[in-house]
Amino acid sequence: MFYKHIQQLPDKRFKRATGVPKEILRQMSEVVTAYKTTHRKHPTRGKPPKLSWEDKILLLLMYYREYRTMEHIGIAYGISESRVCEIIQEIESILISDKRFHLPGKKKLLQAENNWEVVLIDVTETPIERPKQNNAGIIQARKRNTRSRHK
């Protein structure tokens, strides 16, 4: 899903497809663009990127929202799996560094007047009884059926 294809969607469908409203995606794009333009050594050198910043943010959102593998995302965007991993890590770190997209820490959550409801699910493994393999019997049978080469 490329940004140029979904930017014309109505707000409701856009949020349903990406998980964020258009305004939040625009803010994310501004943060990433500003960061990359200020931290680039040579702004006029190099090959132009295959994906725009909006496409890279959508790639990250697709990874979070749809739980798709990096290989499948790479196929959808025409890039390698390792490049998808690099993009996700890069965009994550840029967005986390901005205060608007920074999640509150553990201390802040504990200080809040939140009532937590905890549900425990037992997912312990139970052993399955399987017949034991008897390699000794198999090896003996092989020994009896072999012919000696030296006569």
C-alpha atoms as a PDB file:
ATOM      1  CA  MET A   1       0.000   0.000   0.000  1.00  0.00           C
ATOM      2  CA  PHE A   2       1.696   3.147  -1.222  1.00  0.00           C
ATOM      3  CA  TYR A   3       0.869   6.608   0.094  1.00  0.00           C
ATOM      4  CA  LYS A   4      -0.033   7.935  -3.358  1.00  0.00           C
ATOM      5  CA  HIS A   5      -2.751   5.257  -3.608  1.00  0.00           C
ATOM      6  CA  ILE A   6      -4.390   5.823  -0.235  1.00  0.00           C
ATOM      7  CA  GLN A   7      -4.063   9.573   0.271  1.00  0.00           C
ATOM      8  CA  GLN A   8      -7.314  10.128  -1.649  1.00  0.00           C
ATOM      9  CA  LEU A   9      -9.316   7.827   0.637  1.00  0.00           C
ATOM     10  CA  PRO A  10     -11.952   9.376   2.897  1.00  0.00           C
ATOM     11  CA  ASP A  11     -10.805   9.938   6.476  1.00  0.00           C
ATOM     12  CA  LYS A  12     -12.729   6.974   7.873  1.00  0.00           C
ATOM     13  CA  ARG A  13     -11.347   4.472   5.345  1.00  0.00           C
ATOM     14  CA  PHE A  14      -7.834   5.951   5.659  1.00  0.00           C
ATOM     15  CA  LYS A  15      -7.829   5.387   9.415  1.00  0.00           C
ATOM     16  CA  ARG A  16      -9.240   1.914   8.981  1.00  0.00           C
ATOM     17  CA  ALA A  17      -6.534   1.000   6.469  1.00  0.00           C
ATOM     18  CA  THR A  18      -3.564   2.502   8.323  1.00  0.00           C
ATOM     19  CA  GLY A  19      -4.620   2.599  11.970  1.00  0.00           C
ATOM     20  CA  VAL A  20      -3.978   6.338  12.289  1.00  0.00           C
ATOM     21  CA  PRO A  21      -5.840   9.423  11.055  1.00  0.00           C
ATOM     22  CA  LYS A  22      -4.441  11.462   8.161  1.00  0.00           C
ATOM     23  CA  GLU A  23      -3.392  14.253  10.537  1.00  0.00           C
ATOM     24  CA  ILE A  24      -1.250  11.897  12.654  1.00  0.00           C
ATOM     25  CA  LEU A  25       0.401  10.469   9.536  1.00  0.00           C
ATOM     26  CA  ARG A  26       1.106  14.015   8.355  1.00  0.00           C
ATOM     27  CA  GLN A  27       2.702  14.827  11.741  1.00  0.00           C
ATOM     28  CA  MET A  28       4.780  11.653  11.575  1.00  0.00           C
ATOM     29  CA  SER A  29       5.891  12.603   8.076  1.00  0.00           C
ATOM     30  CA  GLU A  30       6.896  16.092   9.235  1.00  0.00           C
ATOM     31  CA  VAL A  31       8.944  14.667  12.121  1.00  0.00           C
ATOM     32  CA  VAL A  32      10.751  12.131   9.935  1.00  0.00           C
ATOM     33  CA  THR A  33      11.382  14.616   7.102  1.00  0.00           C
ATOM     34  CA  ALA A  34      12.686  17.282   9.478  1.00  0.00           C
ATOM     35  CA  TYR A  35      14.961  14.811  11.214  1.00  0.00           C
ATOM     36  CA  LYS A  36      16.370  13.397   7.990  1.00  0.00           C
ATOM     37  CA  THR A  37      16.985  16.807   6.393  1.00  0.00           C
ATOM     38  CA  THR A  38      18.841  18.102   9.448  1.00  0.00           C
ATOM     39  CA  HIS A  39      20.934  14.962   9.952  1.00  0.00           C
ATOM     40  CA  ARG A  40      21.997  14.337   6.375  1.00  0.00           C
ATOM     41  CA  LYS A  41      25.684  14.875   5.596  1.00  0.00           C
ATOM     42  CA  HIS A  42      25.343  15.444   1.869  1.00  0.00           C
ATOM     43  CA  PRO A  43      21.797  16.423   0.879  1.00  0.00           C
ATOM     44  CA  THR A  44      22.465  16.499  -2.866  1.00  0.00           C
ATOM     45  CA  ARG A  45      24.496  13.289  -3.193  1.00  0.00           C
ATOM     46  CA  GLY A  46      23.432   9.710  -3.575  1.00  0.00           C
ATOM     47  CA  LYS A  47      20.773   7.739  -5.303  1.00  0.00           C
ATOM     48  CA  PRO A  48      17.215   8.929  -4.650  1.00  0.00           C
ATOM     49  CA  PRO A  49      15.325   6.571  -2.333  1.00  0.00           C
ATOM     50  CA  LYS A  50      12.858   4.088  -3.786  1.00  0.00           C
ATOM     51  CA  LEU A  51      10.281   4.832  -1.080  1.00  0.00           C
ATOM     52  CA  SER A  52       9.108   8.235   0.151  1.00  0.00           C
ATOM     53  CA  TRP A  53       9.028   9.000   3.874  1.00  0.00           C
ATOM     54  CA  GLU A  54       5.257   8.517   3.878  1.00  0.00           C
ATOM     55  CA  ASP A  55       5.689   5.091   2.286  1.00  0.00           C
ATOM     56  CA  LYS A  56       8.247   4.163   4.922  1.00  0.00           C
ATOM     57  CA  ILE A  57       5.868   5.247   7.692  1.00  0.00           C
ATOM     58  CA  LEU A  58       3.088   3.214   6.077  1.00  0.00           C
ATOM     59  CA  LEU A  59       5.463   0.257   5.942  1.00  0.00           C
ATOM     60  CA  LEU A  60       6.014   0.601   9.700  1.00  0.00           C
ATOM     61  CA  LEU A  61       2.278   0.917  10.351  1.00  0.00           C
ATOM     62  CA  MET A  62       1.610  -2.127   8.166  1.00  0.00           C
ATOM     63  CA  TYR A  63       4.127  -4.107  10.194  1.00  0.00           C
ATOM     64  CA  TYR A  64       2.486  -3.050  13.479  1.00  0.00           C
ATOM     65  CA  ARG A  65      -1.144  -3.248  12.426  1.00  0.00           C
ATOM     66  CA  GLU A  66      -1.303  -6.330  10.240  1.00  0.00           C
ATOM     67  CA  TYR A  67       1.437  -8.462  11.848  1.00  0.00           C
ATOM     68  CA  ARG A  68       2.797  -9.232   8.394  1.00  0.00           C
ATOM     69  CA  THR A  69       6.234 -10.717   8.062  1.00  0.00           C
ATOM     70  CA  MET A  70       9.053  -8.543   6.829  1.00  0.00           C
ATOM     71  CA  GLU A  71       9.427 -10.797   3.826  1.00  0.00           C
ATOM     72  CA  HIS A  72       5.814 -10.204   2.736  1.00  0.00           C
ATOM     73  CA  ILE A  73       6.117  -6.464   3.269  1.00  0.00           C
ATOM     74  CA  GLY A  74       9.321  -6.487   1.230  1.00  0.00           C
ATOM     75  CA  ILE A  75       7.540  -8.256  -1.618  1.00  0.00           C
ATOM     76  CA  ALA A  76       4.687  -5.720  -1.504  1.00  0.00           C
ATOM     77  CA  TYR A  77       7.111  -2.775  -1.702  1.00  0.00           C
ATOM     78  CA  GLY A  78       9.679  -4.390  -3.997  1.00  0.00           C
ATOM     79  CA  ILE A  79      12.554  -4.287  -1.493  1.00  0.00           C
ATOM     80  CA  SER A  80      14.513  -6.901   0.437  1.00  0.00           C
ATOM     81  CA  GLU A  81      13.560  -8.282   3.826  1.00  0.00           C
ATOM     82  CA  SER A  82      16.700  -6.828   5.419  1.00  0.00           C
ATOM     83  CA  ARG A  83      15.881  -3.381   4.034  1.00  0.00           C
ATOM     84  CA  VAL A  84      12.383  -3.630   5.545  1.00  0.00           C
ATOM     85  CA  CYS A  85      13.992  -4.357   8.926  1.00  0.00           C
ATOM     86  CA  GLU A  86      16.335  -1.368   8.553  1.00  0.00           C
ATOM     87  CA  ILE A  87      13.452   0.952   7.631  1.00  0.00           C
ATOM     88  CA  ILE A  88      11.346  -0.195  10.584  1.00  0.00           C
ATOM     89  CA  GLN A  89      14.192   0.359  13.046  1.00  0.00           C
ATOM     90  CA  GLU A  90      15.082   3.743  11.517  1.00  0.00           C
ATOM     91  CA  ILE A  91      11.542   5.132  11.506  1.00  0.00           C
ATOM     92  CA  GLU A  92      10.830   3.750  14.992  1.00  0.00           C
ATOM     93  CA  SER A  93      13.866   5.474  16.477  1.00  0.00           C
ATOM     94  CA  ILE A  94      13.045   8.790  14.782  1.00  0.00           C
ATOM     95  CA  LEU A  95       9.429   8.762  15.954  1.00  0.00           C
ATOM     96  CA  ILE A  96      10.337   7.698  19.490  1.00  0.00           C
ATOM     97  CA  SER A  97      12.802  10.573  19.773  1.00  0.00           C
ATOM     98  CA  ASP A  98       9.954  13.065  19.205  1.00  0.00           C
ATOM     99  CA  LYS A  99       7.892  13.825  22.326  1.00  0.00           C
ATOM    100  CA  ARG A 100       4.545  13.645  20.481  1.00  0.00           C
ATOM    101  CA  PHE A 101       5.005   9.947  19.733  1.00  0.00           C
ATOM    102  CA  HIS A 102       6.823   8.975  22.913  1.00  0.00           C
ATOM    103  CA  LEU A 103       4.916   6.584  25.179  1.00  0.00           C
ATOM    104  CA  PRO A 104       4.870   7.308  28.898  1.00  0.00           C
ATOM    105  CA  GLY A 105       7.314   5.378  31.031  1.00  0.00           C
ATOM    106  CA  LYS A 106       6.619   2.756  33.663  1.00  0.00           C
ATOM    107  CA  LYS A 107       6.789   5.235  36.555  1.00  0.00           C
ATOM    108  CA  LYS A 108       4.263   7.540  34.910  1.00  0.00           C
ATOM    109  CA  LEU A 109       1.861   4.660  34.352  1.00  0.00           C
ATOM    110  CA  LEU A 110       2.198   3.538  37.971  1.00  0.00           C
ATOM    111  CA  GLN A 111       1.561   7.073  39.259  1.00  0.00           C
ATOM    112  CA  ALA A 112      -1.655   7.421  37.292  1.00  0.00           C
ATOM    113  CA  GLU A 113      -4.954   6.620  38.928  1.00  0.00           C
ATOM    114  CA  ASN A 114      -5.522   3.563  36.766  1.00  0.00           C
ATOM    115  CA  ASN A 115      -7.444   0.536  37.886  1.00  0.00           C
ATOM    116  CA  TRP A 116      -5.904  -2.491  36.235  1.00  0.00           C
ATOM    117  CA  GLU A 117      -7.829  -5.661  35.630  1.00  0.00           C
ATOM    118  CA  VAL A 118      -5.614  -8.680  35.182  1.00  0.00           C
ATOM    119  CA  VAL A 119      -6.622 -11.839  33.372  1.00  0.00           C
ATOM    120  CA  LEU A 120      -4.366 -14.876  33.616  1.00  0.00           C
ATOM    121  CA  ILE A 121      -4.457 -17.576  30.995  1.00  0.00           C
ATOM    122  CA  ASP A 122      -2.863 -20.930  31.632  1.00  0.00           C
ATOM    123  CA  VAL A 123      -0.890 -21.955  28.575  1.00  0.00           C
ATOM    124  CA  THR A 124       1.388 -24.540  30.111  1.00  0.00           C
ATOM    125  CA  GLU A 125       2.483 -27.402  27.935  1.00  0.00           C
ATOM    126  CA  THR A 126       1.540 -30.937  28.778  1.00  0.00           C
ATOM    127  CA  PRO A 127       3.701 -33.848  27.703  1.00  0.00           C
ATOM    128  CA  ILE A 128       2.299 -36.119  25.019  1.00  0.00           C
ATOM    129  CA  GLU A 129       2.802 -39.843  25.417  1.00  0.00           C
ATOM    130  CA  ARG A 130       4.504 -41.256  22.398  1.00  0.00           C
ATOM    131  CA  PRO A 131       5.849 -44.743  21.786  1.00  0.00           C
ATOM    132  CA  LYS A 132       9.506 -45.063  22.568  1.00  0.00           C
ATOM    133  CA  GLN A 133      11.793 -45.810  19.688  1.00  0.00           C
ATOM    134  CA  ASN A 134      13.859 -48.910  20.091  1.00  0.00           C
ATOM    135  CA  ASN A 135      17.016 -48.445  18.076  1.00  0.00           C
ATOM    136  CA  ALA A 136      18.635 -51.570  19.503  1.00  0.00           C
ATOM    137  CA  GLY A 137      16.127 -53.868  17.808  1.00  0.00           C
ATOM    138  CA  ILE A 138      16.531 -52.141  14.493  1.00  0.00           C
ATOM    139  CA  ILE A 139      20.303 -52.366  14.558  1.00  0.00           C
ATOM    140  CA  GLN A 140      20.263 -56.091  15.466  1.00  0.00           C
ATOM    141  CA  ALA A 141      17.892 -56.862  12.609  1.00  0.00           C
ATOM    142  CA  ARG A 142      20.227 -55.089  10.222  1.00  0.00           C
ATOM    143  CA  LYS A 143      23.178 -57.077  11.499  1.00  0.00           C
ATOM    144  CA  ARG A 144      21.399 -60.393  10.936  1.00  0.00           C
ATOM    145  CA  ASN A 145      20.344 -59.499   7.392  1.00  0.00           C
ATOM    146  CA  THR A 146      23.763 -58.445   6.173  1.00  0.00           C
ATOM    147  CA  ARG A 147      25.912 -60.894   4.254  1.00  0.00           C
ATOM    148  CA  SER A 148      29.533 -61.122   4.938  1.00  0.00           C
ATOM    149  CA  ARG A 149      31.658 -60.089   2.011  1.00  0.00           C
ATOM    150  CA  HIS A 150      34.609 -62.175   3.019  1.00  0.00           C
ATOM    151  CA  LYS A 151      34.001 -65.857   2.294  1.00  0.00           C
END
